[in-house]
């Protein structure tokens, strides 16, 4: 079963392919272990876009420079 999350402002937003405006994250779902499905929406033309991305991993403090 997919785990649903609210969209985060930390996700880089794409440009709408229909009108060229910036899109904003609507929903982020962790569908498979290690991968999430990101859904974006365009405020200008109401278009949507979905992309798959690896889940960001946090680097332990001991590895940070």
N, C-alpha and C. Protein backbone atom coordinates (compact mmCIF):
# COMPACT_ATOMS: atom_id res chain seq x y z
N UNK A 1 0.84 -1.17 0.00
CA UNK A 1 0.00 0.00 0.00
C UNK A 1 0.89 1.24 0.00
N UNK A 2 0.53 2.22 -0.77
CA UNK A 2 1.30 3.44 -0.88
C UNK A 2 1.17 4.28 0.38
N UNK A 3 2.27 4.87 0.79
CA UNK A 3 2.26 5.80 1.91
C UNK A 3 2.17 7.20 1.35
N UNK A 4 1.13 7.94 1.70
CA UNK A 4 0.92 9.27 1.15
C UNK A 4 1.51 10.31 2.08
N UNK A 5 2.09 11.34 1.47
CA UNK A 5 2.67 12.44 2.21
C UNK A 5 2.18 13.74 1.60
N UNK A 6 2.20 14.78 2.38
CA UNK A 6 1.94 16.11 1.82
C UNK A 6 3.15 16.54 1.03
N UNK A 7 2.94 17.34 0.01
CA UNK A 7 4.04 17.82 -0.81
C UNK A 7 4.95 18.73 0.00
N UNK A 8 6.22 18.68 -0.30
CA UNK A 8 7.21 19.45 0.44
C UNK A 8 7.77 20.58 -0.42
N UNK A 9 8.15 21.67 0.21
CA UNK A 9 8.77 22.78 -0.51
C UNK A 9 10.22 22.48 -0.87
N UNK A 10 10.76 21.35 -0.38
CA UNK A 10 12.14 20.98 -0.66
C UNK A 10 12.30 20.33 -2.04
N UNK A 11 11.21 20.00 -2.69
CA UNK A 11 11.24 19.34 -4.00
C UNK A 11 11.41 20.38 -5.09
N UNK A 12 12.34 20.14 -6.01
CA UNK A 12 12.55 21.06 -7.13
C UNK A 12 11.39 20.92 -8.11
N UNK A 13 10.74 22.04 -8.43
CA UNK A 13 9.56 22.02 -9.28
C UNK A 13 9.92 22.17 -10.75
N UNK A 14 9.26 21.40 -11.62
CA UNK A 14 9.51 21.50 -13.06
C UNK A 14 8.73 22.66 -13.69
N UNK A 15 8.96 22.88 -14.97
CA UNK A 15 8.23 23.87 -15.75
C UNK A 15 7.12 23.16 -16.51
N UNK A 16 5.95 23.76 -16.57
CA UNK A 16 4.81 23.17 -17.27
C UNK A 16 5.11 23.04 -18.76
N UNK A 17 4.84 21.87 -19.32
CA UNK A 17 5.08 21.64 -20.73
C UNK A 17 4.03 22.30 -21.63
N UNK A 18 2.86 22.60 -21.07
CA UNK A 18 1.78 23.24 -21.85
C UNK A 18 1.99 24.74 -21.98
N UNK A 19 2.26 25.42 -20.86
CA UNK A 19 2.29 26.89 -20.89
C UNK A 19 3.61 27.50 -20.47
N UNK A 20 4.53 26.71 -19.92
CA UNK A 20 5.85 27.21 -19.55
C UNK A 20 5.93 27.84 -18.17
N UNK A 21 4.84 27.83 -17.42
CA UNK A 21 4.85 28.40 -16.07
C UNK A 21 5.47 27.41 -15.08
N UNK A 22 5.89 27.91 -13.94
CA UNK A 22 6.43 27.04 -12.90
C UNK A 22 5.31 26.22 -12.27
N UNK A 23 5.60 24.97 -11.94
CA UNK A 23 4.61 24.10 -11.32
C UNK A 23 4.93 23.98 -9.84
N UNK A 24 3.94 23.56 -9.06
CA UNK A 24 4.17 23.36 -7.64
C UNK A 24 3.81 21.93 -7.26
N UNK A 25 4.50 21.38 -6.25
CA UNK A 25 4.18 20.02 -5.81
C UNK A 25 2.77 19.94 -5.22
N UNK A 26 2.03 18.91 -5.62
CA UNK A 26 0.70 18.67 -5.09
C UNK A 26 0.74 17.52 -4.10
N UNK A 27 1.39 16.42 -4.50
CA UNK A 27 1.39 15.21 -3.68
C UNK A 27 2.67 14.43 -3.92
N UNK A 28 3.22 13.88 -2.83
CA UNK A 28 4.39 13.01 -2.92
C UNK A 28 4.02 11.71 -2.24
N UNK A 29 4.15 10.59 -2.97
CA UNK A 29 3.79 9.28 -2.44
C UNK A 29 4.99 8.35 -2.53
N UNK A 30 5.30 7.64 -1.44
CA UNK A 30 6.33 6.62 -1.50
C UNK A 30 5.66 5.34 -1.93
N UNK A 31 5.77 5.03 -3.22
CA UNK A 31 5.06 3.91 -3.82
C UNK A 31 5.83 2.59 -3.63
N UNK A 32 7.13 2.63 -3.83
CA UNK A 32 8.00 1.46 -3.68
C UNK A 32 9.14 1.86 -2.77
N UNK A 33 9.75 0.91 -2.06
CA UNK A 33 10.87 1.25 -1.18
C UNK A 33 11.99 1.96 -1.96
N UNK A 34 12.35 3.13 -1.49
CA UNK A 34 13.44 3.88 -2.12
C UNK A 34 13.02 4.80 -3.25
N UNK A 35 11.74 4.78 -3.66
CA UNK A 35 11.27 5.63 -4.76
C UNK A 35 9.96 6.31 -4.39
N UNK A 36 9.80 7.53 -4.85
CA UNK A 36 8.56 8.25 -4.62
C UNK A 36 8.00 8.79 -5.92
N UNK A 37 6.67 8.87 -5.97
CA UNK A 37 5.98 9.43 -7.12
C UNK A 37 5.59 10.85 -6.75
N UNK A 38 6.05 11.82 -7.55
CA UNK A 38 5.78 13.23 -7.30
C UNK A 38 4.79 13.76 -8.32
N UNK A 39 3.72 14.36 -7.85
CA UNK A 39 2.71 14.94 -8.73
C UNK A 39 2.76 16.45 -8.56
N UNK A 40 2.87 17.16 -9.71
CA UNK A 40 2.95 18.62 -9.73
C UNK A 40 1.74 19.19 -10.45
N UNK A 41 1.33 20.39 -10.08
CA UNK A 41 0.21 21.05 -10.73
C UNK A 41 0.61 22.45 -11.17
N UNK A 42 0.03 22.89 -12.29
CA UNK A 42 0.28 24.22 -12.83
C UNK A 42 -0.88 25.13 -12.42
N UNK A 43 -0.56 26.27 -11.83
CA UNK A 43 -1.59 27.22 -11.42
C UNK A 43 -2.12 28.02 -12.60
N UNK A 44 -1.37 28.09 -13.69
CA UNK A 44 -1.79 28.89 -14.84
C UNK A 44 -2.79 28.17 -15.72
N UNK A 45 -2.51 26.90 -16.06
CA UNK A 45 -3.37 26.18 -17.02
C UNK A 45 -4.01 24.93 -16.43
N UNK A 46 -3.80 24.66 -15.15
CA UNK A 46 -4.33 23.48 -14.46
C UNK A 46 -3.78 22.16 -15.00
N UNK A 47 -2.64 22.19 -15.67
CA UNK A 47 -2.00 20.97 -16.14
C UNK A 47 -1.34 20.25 -14.98
N UNK A 48 -1.10 18.95 -15.14
CA UNK A 48 -0.42 18.17 -14.12
C UNK A 48 0.73 17.39 -14.74
N UNK A 49 1.69 17.02 -13.90
CA UNK A 49 2.85 16.24 -14.33
C UNK A 49 3.22 15.31 -13.20
N UNK A 50 3.61 14.09 -13.53
CA UNK A 50 4.04 13.11 -12.54
C UNK A 50 5.45 12.65 -12.88
N UNK A 51 6.30 12.52 -11.87
CA UNK A 51 7.66 12.02 -12.07
C UNK A 51 8.00 11.06 -10.95
N UNK A 52 8.92 10.14 -11.25
CA UNK A 52 9.44 9.20 -10.26
C UNK A 52 10.83 9.66 -9.88
N UNK A 53 11.16 9.57 -8.60
CA UNK A 53 12.48 9.99 -8.13
C UNK A 53 12.90 9.12 -6.95
N UNK A 54 14.21 8.96 -6.77
CA UNK A 54 14.66 8.23 -5.59
C UNK A 54 14.35 9.04 -4.34
N UNK A 55 14.05 8.35 -3.24
CA UNK A 55 13.79 9.03 -1.98
C UNK A 55 15.10 9.62 -1.49
N UNK A 56 15.09 10.91 -1.15
CA UNK A 56 16.33 11.52 -0.66
C UNK A 56 16.76 10.86 0.65
N UNK A 57 18.03 10.57 0.76
CA UNK A 57 18.55 9.98 1.99
C UNK A 57 19.27 11.06 2.77
N UNK A 58 19.18 10.97 4.06
CA UNK A 58 19.87 11.94 4.90
C UNK A 58 21.24 11.40 5.25
N UNK A 59 22.24 12.24 5.10
CA UNK A 59 23.61 11.87 5.40
C UNK A 59 23.84 12.02 6.90
N UNK A 60 24.37 10.98 7.54
CA UNK A 60 24.64 11.10 8.97
C UNK A 60 25.57 12.28 9.25
N UNK A 61 25.42 12.92 10.40
CA UNK A 61 26.21 14.09 10.76
C UNK A 61 27.71 13.79 10.73
N UNK A 62 28.09 12.55 11.02
CA UNK A 62 29.51 12.21 11.06
C UNK A 62 30.15 12.23 9.67
N UNK A 63 29.34 12.18 8.57
CA UNK A 63 29.88 12.19 7.22
C UNK A 63 29.89 13.59 6.60
N UNK A 64 29.22 14.55 7.22
CA UNK A 64 29.16 15.91 6.66
C UNK A 64 30.47 16.63 6.89
N UNK A 65 30.82 17.46 5.93
CA UNK A 65 32.07 18.23 6.04
C UNK A 65 31.86 19.51 6.81
